[in-house]
Amino acid sequence: MKLFAIIENFRNDEDGAVTVDWVVLSAAVVGLGFAVLGSVKGGLTQLGSSISTEVGGITPDAGN
């Protein structure tokens, strides 16, 4: 009978379920972050290039 009690206790134990939930939730957040990064990468590259061109065209005033 003790073996059945151990099996029943193991079946009813839910301590690891919270850990699994957090791992799945964390993986979803990381995956969503990668999806957003992939979607805005082209726009950020173009914006950086435009800023670089604009700043490179500025001549400093050495007379101050």
N, C-alpha and C. Protein backbone atom coordinates (compact mmCIF):
# COMPACT_ATOMS: atom_id res chain seq x y z
N MET A 1 0.80 -1.20 0.00
CA MET A 1 0.00 0.00 0.00
C MET A 1 0.85 1.27 0.00
N LYS A 2 2.05 1.20 0.54
CA LYS A 2 2.89 2.38 0.59
C LYS A 2 3.28 2.84 -0.82
N LEU A 3 3.50 1.89 -1.73
CA LEU A 3 3.86 2.22 -3.10
C LEU A 3 2.74 3.01 -3.78
N PHE A 4 1.50 2.61 -3.55
CA PHE A 4 0.38 3.34 -4.13
C PHE A 4 0.27 4.74 -3.57
N ALA A 5 0.59 4.91 -2.30
CA ALA A 5 0.56 6.24 -1.69
C ALA A 5 1.63 7.13 -2.29
N ILE A 6 2.79 6.58 -2.56
CA ILE A 6 3.88 7.35 -3.18
C ILE A 6 3.49 7.76 -4.60
N ILE A 7 2.92 6.84 -5.34
CA ILE A 7 2.49 7.14 -6.72
C ILE A 7 1.39 8.19 -6.72
N GLU A 8 0.45 8.07 -5.82
CA GLU A 8 -0.64 9.05 -5.73
C GLU A 8 -0.10 10.43 -5.36
N ASN A 9 0.86 10.48 -4.44
CA ASN A 9 1.47 11.75 -4.04
C ASN A 9 2.22 12.37 -5.21
N PHE A 10 2.94 11.56 -5.96
CA PHE A 10 3.67 12.05 -7.13
C PHE A 10 2.72 12.60 -8.19
N ARG A 11 1.62 11.91 -8.41
CA ARG A 11 0.63 12.33 -9.41
C ARG A 11 -0.03 13.65 -9.02
N ASN A 12 -0.23 13.89 -7.76
CA ASN A 12 -0.91 15.10 -7.29
C ASN A 12 0.04 16.29 -7.08
N ASP A 13 1.33 16.04 -7.12
CA ASP A 13 2.31 17.10 -6.88
C ASP A 13 2.38 18.02 -8.10
N GLU A 14 2.22 19.32 -7.90
CA GLU A 14 2.21 20.28 -9.00
C GLU A 14 3.31 21.33 -8.86
N ASP A 15 4.34 21.06 -8.09
CA ASP A 15 5.41 22.04 -7.88
C ASP A 15 6.14 22.39 -9.17
N GLY A 16 6.38 21.44 -10.05
CA GLY A 16 7.11 21.70 -11.28
C GLY A 16 6.28 22.36 -12.36
N ALA A 17 4.96 22.37 -12.20
CA ALA A 17 4.09 22.93 -13.22
C ALA A 17 4.31 24.43 -13.37
N VAL A 18 4.56 25.12 -12.29
CA VAL A 18 4.79 26.57 -12.34
C VAL A 18 6.08 26.86 -13.08
N THR A 19 7.10 26.05 -12.87
CA THR A 19 8.37 26.23 -13.56
C THR A 19 8.19 26.05 -15.07
N VAL A 20 7.44 25.05 -15.46
CA VAL A 20 7.19 24.81 -16.88
C VAL A 20 6.44 25.99 -17.48
N ASP A 21 5.46 26.52 -16.76
CA ASP A 21 4.72 27.69 -17.24
C ASP A 21 5.66 28.87 -17.47
N TRP A 22 6.55 29.12 -16.55
CA TRP A 22 7.48 30.25 -16.69
C TRP A 22 8.45 30.04 -17.84
N VAL A 23 8.89 28.83 -18.05
CA VAL A 23 9.81 28.54 -19.16
C VAL A 23 9.10 28.79 -20.49
N VAL A 24 7.87 28.33 -20.61
CA VAL A 24 7.12 28.53 -21.85
C VAL A 24 6.84 30.01 -22.06
N LEU A 25 6.45 30.71 -21.01
CA LEU A 25 6.19 32.15 -21.11
C LEU A 25 7.45 32.91 -21.50
N SER A 26 8.58 32.58 -20.90
CA SER A 26 9.85 33.25 -21.23
C SER A 26 10.26 32.98 -22.67
N ALA A 27 10.08 31.76 -23.13
CA ALA A 27 10.41 31.43 -24.52
C ALA A 27 9.52 32.20 -25.49
N ALA A 28 8.26 32.38 -25.14
CA ALA A 28 7.35 33.14 -26.00
C ALA A 28 7.77 34.61 -26.07
N VAL A 29 8.18 35.18 -24.95
CA VAL A 29 8.61 36.59 -24.93
C VAL A 29 9.89 36.76 -25.76
N VAL A 30 10.83 35.84 -25.63
CA VAL A 30 12.06 35.92 -26.41
C VAL A 30 11.77 35.76 -27.90
N GLY A 31 10.90 34.83 -28.24
CA GLY A 31 10.52 34.64 -29.64
C GLY A 31 9.84 35.87 -30.22
N LEU A 32 8.97 36.49 -29.44
CA LEU A 32 8.31 37.71 -29.88
C LEU A 32 9.32 38.84 -30.07
N GLY A 33 10.31 38.91 -29.19
CA GLY A 33 11.37 39.92 -29.34
C GLY A 33 12.15 39.73 -30.63
N PHE A 34 12.48 38.49 -30.96
CA PHE A 34 13.19 38.23 -32.21
C PHE A 34 12.33 38.57 -33.42
N ALA A 35 11.04 38.30 -33.33
CA ALA A 35 10.14 38.62 -34.44
C ALA A 35 10.07 40.12 -34.66
N VAL A 36 9.98 40.88 -33.58
CA VAL A 36 9.93 42.34 -33.69
C VAL A 36 11.25 42.87 -34.24
N LEU A 37 12.36 42.34 -33.75
CA LEU A 37 13.67 42.76 -34.23
C LEU A 37 13.82 42.50 -35.72
N GLY A 38 13.39 41.35 -36.18
CA GLY A 38 13.47 41.03 -37.60
C GLY A 38 12.59 41.93 -38.45
N SER A 39 11.48 42.35 -37.89
CA SER A 39 10.56 43.18 -38.65
C SER A 39 11.02 44.63 -38.76
N VAL A 40 11.72 45.16 -37.78
CA VAL A 40 12.15 46.56 -37.82
C VAL A 40 13.60 46.73 -38.23
N LYS A 41 14.30 45.63 -38.49
CA LYS A 41 15.73 45.71 -38.80
C LYS A 41 16.00 46.55 -40.05
N GLY A 42 15.23 46.35 -41.10
CA GLY A 42 15.44 47.09 -42.35
C GLY A 42 15.23 48.58 -42.16
N GLY A 43 14.18 48.96 -41.46
CA GLY A 43 13.91 50.37 -41.21
C GLY A 43 14.98 51.03 -40.36
N LEU A 44 15.48 50.31 -39.36
CA LEU A 44 16.53 50.87 -38.52
C LEU A 44 17.83 51.05 -39.29
N THR A 45 18.14 50.12 -40.17
CA THR A 45 19.35 50.24 -40.99
C THR A 45 19.25 51.45 -41.90
N GLN A 46 18.10 51.64 -42.52
CA GLN A 46 17.90 52.79 -43.41
C GLN A 46 17.95 54.10 -42.62
N LEU A 47 17.35 54.13 -41.44
CA LEU A 47 17.38 55.33 -40.62
C LEU A 47 18.80 55.67 -40.18
N GLY A 48 19.55 54.66 -39.80
CA GLY A 48 20.94 54.88 -39.41
C GLY A 48 21.78 55.42 -40.55
N SER A 49 21.55 54.92 -41.74
CA SER A 49 22.26 55.40 -42.92
C SER A 49 21.91 56.86 -43.22
N SER A 50 20.64 57.20 -43.09
CA SER A 50 20.21 58.59 -43.33
C SER A 50 20.83 59.54 -42.32
N ILE A 51 20.85 59.13 -41.07
CA ILE A 51 21.45 59.97 -40.02
C ILE A 51 22.94 60.14 -40.27
N SER A 52 23.61 59.05 -40.66
CA SER A 52 25.04 59.12 -40.93
C SER A 52 25.35 60.07 -42.08
N THR A 53 24.55 60.01 -43.12
CA THR A 53 24.75 60.90 -44.27
C THR A 53 24.54 62.36 -43.86
N GLU A 54 23.49 62.60 -43.08
CA GLU A 54 23.18 63.98 -42.67
C GLU A 54 24.27 64.54 -41.75
N VAL A 55 24.72 63.74 -40.80
CA VAL A 55 25.76 64.22 -39.87
C VAL A 55 27.09 64.36 -40.60
N GLY A 56 27.38 63.49 -41.56
CA GLY A 56 28.63 63.57 -42.31
C GLY A 56 28.70 64.81 -43.17
N GLY A 57 27.56 65.39 -43.54
CA GLY A 57 27.55 66.59 -44.36
C GLY A 57 27.71 67.89 -43.57
N ILE A 58 27.75 67.82 -42.28
CA ILE A 58 27.89 69.02 -41.45
C ILE A 58 29.37 69.39 -41.34
N THR A 59 29.68 70.65 -41.61
CA THR A 59 31.06 71.12 -41.45
C THR A 59 31.15 71.88 -40.13
N PRO A 60 32.11 71.54 -39.32
CA PRO A 60 32.24 72.23 -38.04
C PRO A 60 32.75 73.67 -38.23
N ASP A 61 32.28 74.56 -37.41
CA ASP A 61 32.70 75.95 -37.46
C ASP A 61 33.84 76.13 -36.47
N ALA A 62 35.06 76.28 -36.99
CA ALA A 62 36.24 76.40 -36.14
C ALA A 62 36.45 77.82 -35.65
N GLY A 63 35.62 78.77 -36.06
CA GLY A 63 35.82 80.16 -35.70
C GLY A 63 35.29 80.52 -34.31
N ASN A 64 34.61 79.63 -33.62
CA ASN A 64 34.05 79.98 -32.32
C ASN A 64 35.09 79.90 -31.28
